[in-house]
Amino acid sequence: MQNTALWYGQGTISDQEYLDSLQYLIDNKILFLDKAEKSLVLDATITSENVIVTKPRINQCSVLYQAYKNVGQIQFLAKYDHVNFINTCIKLYKDPIWKYQGDDRLEKLNERFIELNQKIKKEKPKLSFEPTIKIISKTSLGQGKFDLKFNVCAGDESIDKAKILLKSEIEAIQIGTDKNIPENVCRTYVSQLHAKNPANIQINILEQVYEK
């Protein structure tokens, strides 16, 4: 994280790459935002001081590597299965290239990541034609308000836009996906909803527009 901030300050990585890295860490509970103190705290159990990378996906795999070593593949995959490329990270950890320490390590890791990711995509079974939606977590914010994290997955056709209905016993809100979802790919979204009982929260796809 310190290296990423340094590269951002030096102009080595773009604003979007830096923001994407921060957002990923926050979404996956690696970086925590304390609302009272407005401070950022790193979870030391899954970070490493020796992570020196600039590619966002390789950066994310590297940040999660210590967690992979700590808990093992089964628990690691169960915790981070909502990350679209987590299986590619695991394959990269097992590949001999992961231990390579040359000056061009970043480029070699990125090249191998792309190769492994393409292979996984070819091997991955197709999803159903119809898009699907799955709740990942429901976090209480107090006073009957919940933070919802959920995946919207495209089927055999890419989705350009989708309208999602979040509903409880006391509130219903409608949101729209902010970018396209490629075929057989899931994207993660976060929203908030009031509810008496989180078990009764429902999420449905109201409408989807397929890419032409």
Protein backbone atom coordinates (compact mmCIF):
# COMPACT_ATOMS: atom_id res chain seq x y z
CA MET A 1 0.00 0.00 0.00
CA GLN A 2 2.87 2.36 0.83
CA ASN A 3 4.50 1.55 -2.53
CA THR A 4 1.25 2.20 -4.38
CA ALA A 5 0.92 5.61 -2.73
CA LEU A 6 4.55 6.38 -3.59
CA TRP A 7 4.09 5.45 -7.25
CA TYR A 8 0.93 7.55 -7.37
CA GLY A 9 2.83 10.53 -5.99
CA GLN A 10 5.57 10.02 -8.57
CA GLY A 11 3.03 9.77 -11.38
CA THR A 12 3.98 6.17 -12.18
CA ILE A 13 0.37 4.98 -11.94
CA SER A 14 -2.77 6.80 -12.98
CA ASP A 15 -5.45 8.30 -10.74
CA GLN A 16 -7.84 5.53 -11.75
CA GLU A 17 -5.35 2.73 -10.97
CA TYR A 18 -4.73 4.18 -7.52
CA LEU A 19 -8.44 4.65 -6.80
CA ASP A 20 -9.23 1.14 -8.05
CA SER A 21 -6.63 -0.31 -5.68
CA LEU A 22 -8.05 1.64 -2.72
CA GLN A 23 -11.62 0.68 -3.56
CA TYR A 24 -10.67 -2.99 -3.84
CA LEU A 25 -9.01 -2.95 -0.42
CA ILE A 26 -12.02 -1.24 1.17
CA ASP A 27 -14.60 -3.53 -0.51
CA ASN A 28 -12.78 -6.66 0.60
CA LYS A 29 -12.27 -5.54 4.22
CA ILE A 30 -8.50 -5.21 3.82
CA LEU A 31 -8.57 -1.46 4.23
CA PHE A 32 -11.01 -0.13 6.85
CA LEU A 33 -12.51 3.35 7.06
CA ASP A 34 -13.14 4.41 10.65
CA LYS A 35 -15.99 6.91 10.44
CA ALA A 36 -15.28 8.35 13.88
CA GLU A 37 -11.62 9.10 13.36
CA LYS A 38 -11.65 9.31 9.57
CA SER A 39 -8.50 7.19 9.50
CA LEU A 40 -7.39 4.24 7.41
CA VAL A 41 -6.13 1.07 9.11
CA LEU A 42 -4.52 -1.87 7.33
CA ASP A 43 -5.30 -5.43 8.39
CA ALA A 44 -1.77 -6.71 8.99
CA THR A 45 -2.78 -10.34 8.65
CA ILE A 46 -3.18 -10.12 4.90
CA THR A 47 -0.77 -7.42 3.83
CA SER A 48 2.91 -7.54 3.09
CA GLU A 49 5.65 -4.93 3.28
CA ASN A 50 7.42 -6.58 0.34
CA VAL A 51 4.69 -6.11 -2.27
CA ILE A 52 6.27 -4.12 -5.13
CA VAL A 53 3.83 -4.03 -8.05
CA THR A 54 1.94 -1.48 -10.09
CA LYS A 55 -0.49 -3.51 -12.21
CA PRO A 56 -3.88 -3.35 -10.39
CA ARG A 57 -4.77 -7.05 -10.74
CA ILE A 58 -1.27 -8.23 -9.84
CA ASN A 59 -1.32 -5.76 -6.94
CA GLN A 60 -4.54 -7.26 -5.64
CA CYS A 61 -3.22 -10.84 -5.96
CA SER A 62 -0.07 -9.79 -4.10
CA VAL A 63 -1.96 -8.08 -1.28
CA LEU A 64 -4.04 -11.24 -0.76
CA TYR A 65 -1.11 -13.67 -0.94
CA GLN A 66 -0.41 -13.64 2.81
CA ALA A 67 -4.05 -14.54 3.49
CA TYR A 68 -3.71 -17.44 1.05
CA LYS A 69 -0.67 -18.71 2.95
CA ASN A 70 -2.31 -18.18 6.34
CA VAL A 71 -5.63 -19.96 5.79
CA GLY A 72 -5.02 -22.32 2.88
CA GLN A 73 -6.69 -22.57 -0.50
CA ILE A 74 -10.12 -23.85 0.57
CA GLN A 75 -10.82 -21.15 3.18
CA PHE A 76 -9.18 -18.49 1.02
CA LEU A 77 -11.39 -19.31 -1.96
CA ALA A 78 -14.50 -19.42 0.24
CA LYS A 79 -13.77 -15.93 1.57
CA TYR A 80 -12.83 -14.28 -1.72
CA ASP A 81 -14.93 -16.22 -4.25
CA HIS A 82 -16.72 -12.98 -5.18
CA VAL A 83 -13.48 -11.62 -6.69
CA ASN A 84 -13.78 -12.32 -10.42
CA PHE A 85 -10.15 -13.32 -10.93
CA ILE A 86 -9.41 -15.00 -7.58
CA ASN A 87 -8.87 -18.40 -9.25
CA THR A 88 -6.27 -16.82 -11.50
CA CYS A 89 -4.49 -15.43 -8.41
CA ILE A 90 -4.40 -18.94 -6.92
CA LYS A 91 -2.96 -20.43 -10.11
CA LEU A 92 -0.39 -17.62 -10.18
CA TYR A 93 0.67 -18.39 -6.58
CA LYS A 94 1.32 -22.00 -7.59
CA ASP A 95 3.19 -21.10 -10.77
CA PRO A 96 7.04 -21.01 -10.61
CA ILE A 97 6.92 -17.44 -11.96
CA TRP A 98 5.55 -16.24 -8.59
CA LYS A 99 8.97 -16.75 -6.97
CA TYR A 100 10.84 -15.03 -9.78
CA GLN A 101 12.73 -11.97 -8.48
CA GLY A 102 14.18 -10.37 -11.62
CA ASP A 103 13.82 -6.68 -12.44
CA ASP A 104 11.11 -7.55 -14.96
CA ARG A 105 9.10 -9.57 -12.40
CA LEU A 106 6.03 -7.35 -12.72
CA GLU A 107 5.82 -7.73 -16.48
CA LYS A 108 6.38 -11.49 -16.33
CA LEU A 109 3.70 -11.86 -13.63
CA ASN A 110 1.26 -9.82 -15.68
CA GLU A 111 1.95 -11.82 -18.84
CA ARG A 112 1.48 -15.10 -16.98
CA PHE A 113 -1.68 -13.77 -15.31
CA ILE A 114 -3.20 -13.03 -18.71
CA GLU A 115 -2.29 -16.52 -19.98
CA LEU A 116 -3.77 -18.24 -16.93
CA ASN A 117 -6.89 -16.05 -16.97
CA GLN A 118 -7.57 -16.86 -20.62
CA LYS A 119 -7.14 -20.56 -19.90
CA ILE A 120 -9.57 -20.40 -16.98
CA LYS A 121 -12.14 -18.58 -19.12
CA LYS A 122 -11.97 -21.36 -21.74
CA GLU A 123 -12.31 -24.06 -19.09
CA LYS A 124 -15.02 -22.25 -17.09
CA PRO A 125 -18.51 -23.69 -17.63
CA LYS A 126 -21.04 -21.36 -19.15
CA LEU A 127 -23.59 -19.71 -16.89
CA SER A 128 -27.26 -19.89 -17.71
CA PHE A 129 -28.56 -17.62 -20.44
CA GLU A 130 -30.53 -15.60 -17.94
CA PRO A 131 -28.61 -13.15 -15.71
CA THR A 132 -28.48 -13.99 -12.02
CA ILE A 133 -28.02 -12.07 -8.78
CA LYS A 134 -26.57 -13.25 -5.45
CA ILE A 135 -26.28 -11.51 -2.09
CA ILE A 136 -22.71 -11.76 -0.74
CA SER A 137 -23.12 -10.05 2.62
CA LYS A 138 -25.56 -8.08 4.81
CA THR A 139 -23.84 -5.82 7.32
CA SER A 140 -25.81 -4.01 10.01
CA LEU A 141 -25.16 -0.26 10.21
CA GLY A 142 -27.46 0.17 13.22
CA GLN A 143 -31.01 1.50 13.56
CA GLY A 144 -32.39 -1.07 11.13
CA LYS A 145 -30.12 -0.09 8.26
CA PHE A 146 -28.04 -2.65 6.37
CA ASP A 147 -25.13 -2.46 3.96
CA LEU A 148 -25.72 -4.97 1.16
CA LYS A 149 -23.03 -6.39 -1.11
CA PHE A 150 -24.23 -8.44 -4.06
CA ASN A 151 -23.11 -9.86 -7.40
CA VAL A 152 -24.91 -9.32 -10.69
CA CYS A 153 -23.87 -11.99 -13.21
CA ALA A 154 -24.45 -12.01 -16.96
CA GLY A 155 -25.33 -15.25 -18.72
CA ASP A 156 -24.35 -16.08 -22.29
CA GLU A 157 -24.92 -12.51 -23.43
CA SER A 158 -23.27 -9.33 -22.20
CA ILE A 159 -25.50 -6.94 -20.27
CA ASP A 160 -25.18 -3.26 -21.08
CA LYS A 161 -27.50 -2.04 -18.31
CA ALA A 162 -29.68 -3.61 -15.64
CA LYS A 163 -32.24 -2.34 -13.13
CA ILE A 164 -32.09 -3.98 -9.69
CA LEU A 165 -34.85 -3.96 -7.05
CA LEU A 166 -33.82 -4.21 -3.38
CA LYS A 167 -36.79 -4.91 -1.13
CA SER A 168 -37.51 -5.47 2.57
CA GLU A 169 -40.62 -5.35 4.76
CA ILE A 170 -40.29 -1.57 5.15
CA GLU A 171 -38.40 -0.25 2.14
CA ALA A 172 -37.89 -0.84 -1.58
CA ILE A 173 -35.31 0.89 -3.74
CA GLN A 174 -34.34 0.58 -7.38
CA ILE A 175 -30.77 0.96 -8.63
CA GLY A 176 -29.07 0.62 -12.00
CA THR A 177 -25.78 -1.03 -12.89
CA ASP A 178 -23.17 1.57 -13.73
CA LYS A 179 -21.25 -0.33 -16.45
CA ASN A 180 -21.62 -3.27 -18.80
CA ILE A 181 -21.23 -6.87 -17.58
CA PRO A 182 -19.44 -9.16 -20.09
CA GLU A 183 -20.87 -12.61 -20.78
CA ASN A 184 -20.26 -15.17 -18.00
CA VAL A 185 -18.86 -12.46 -15.73
CA CYS A 186 -20.12 -11.11 -12.39
CA ARG A 187 -19.77 -7.59 -11.03
CA THR A 188 -20.04 -6.64 -7.36
CA TYR A 189 -22.28 -3.79 -6.17
CA VAL A 190 -22.99 -2.24 -2.77
CA SER A 191 -26.14 -0.48 -1.57
CA GLN A 192 -27.99 0.27 1.69
CA LEU A 193 -31.50 -0.68 2.76
CA HIS A 194 -33.68 -0.45 5.87
CA ALA A 195 -35.14 -3.73 7.10
CA LYS A 196 -36.70 -5.27 10.18
CA ASN A 197 -35.20 -8.68 9.49
CA PRO A 198 -32.19 -9.00 7.13
CA ALA A 199 -33.22 -12.58 6.31
CA ASN A 200 -36.27 -11.18 4.47
CA ILE A 201 -34.26 -8.87 2.19
CA GLN A 202 -34.79 -9.71 -1.48
CA ILE A 203 -32.89 -8.60 -4.58
CA ASN A 204 -34.27 -9.09 -8.07
CA ILE A 205 -33.39 -8.02 -11.59
CA LEU A 206 -36.27 -5.96 -12.97
CA GLU A 207 -34.92 -5.23 -16.42
CA GLN A 208 -31.76 -5.82 -18.43
CA VAL A 209 -30.53 -4.41 -21.73
CA TYR A 210 -28.20 -6.65 -23.70
CA GLU A 211 -25.26 -5.31 -25.66
CA LYS A 212 -25.72 -5.22 -29.42
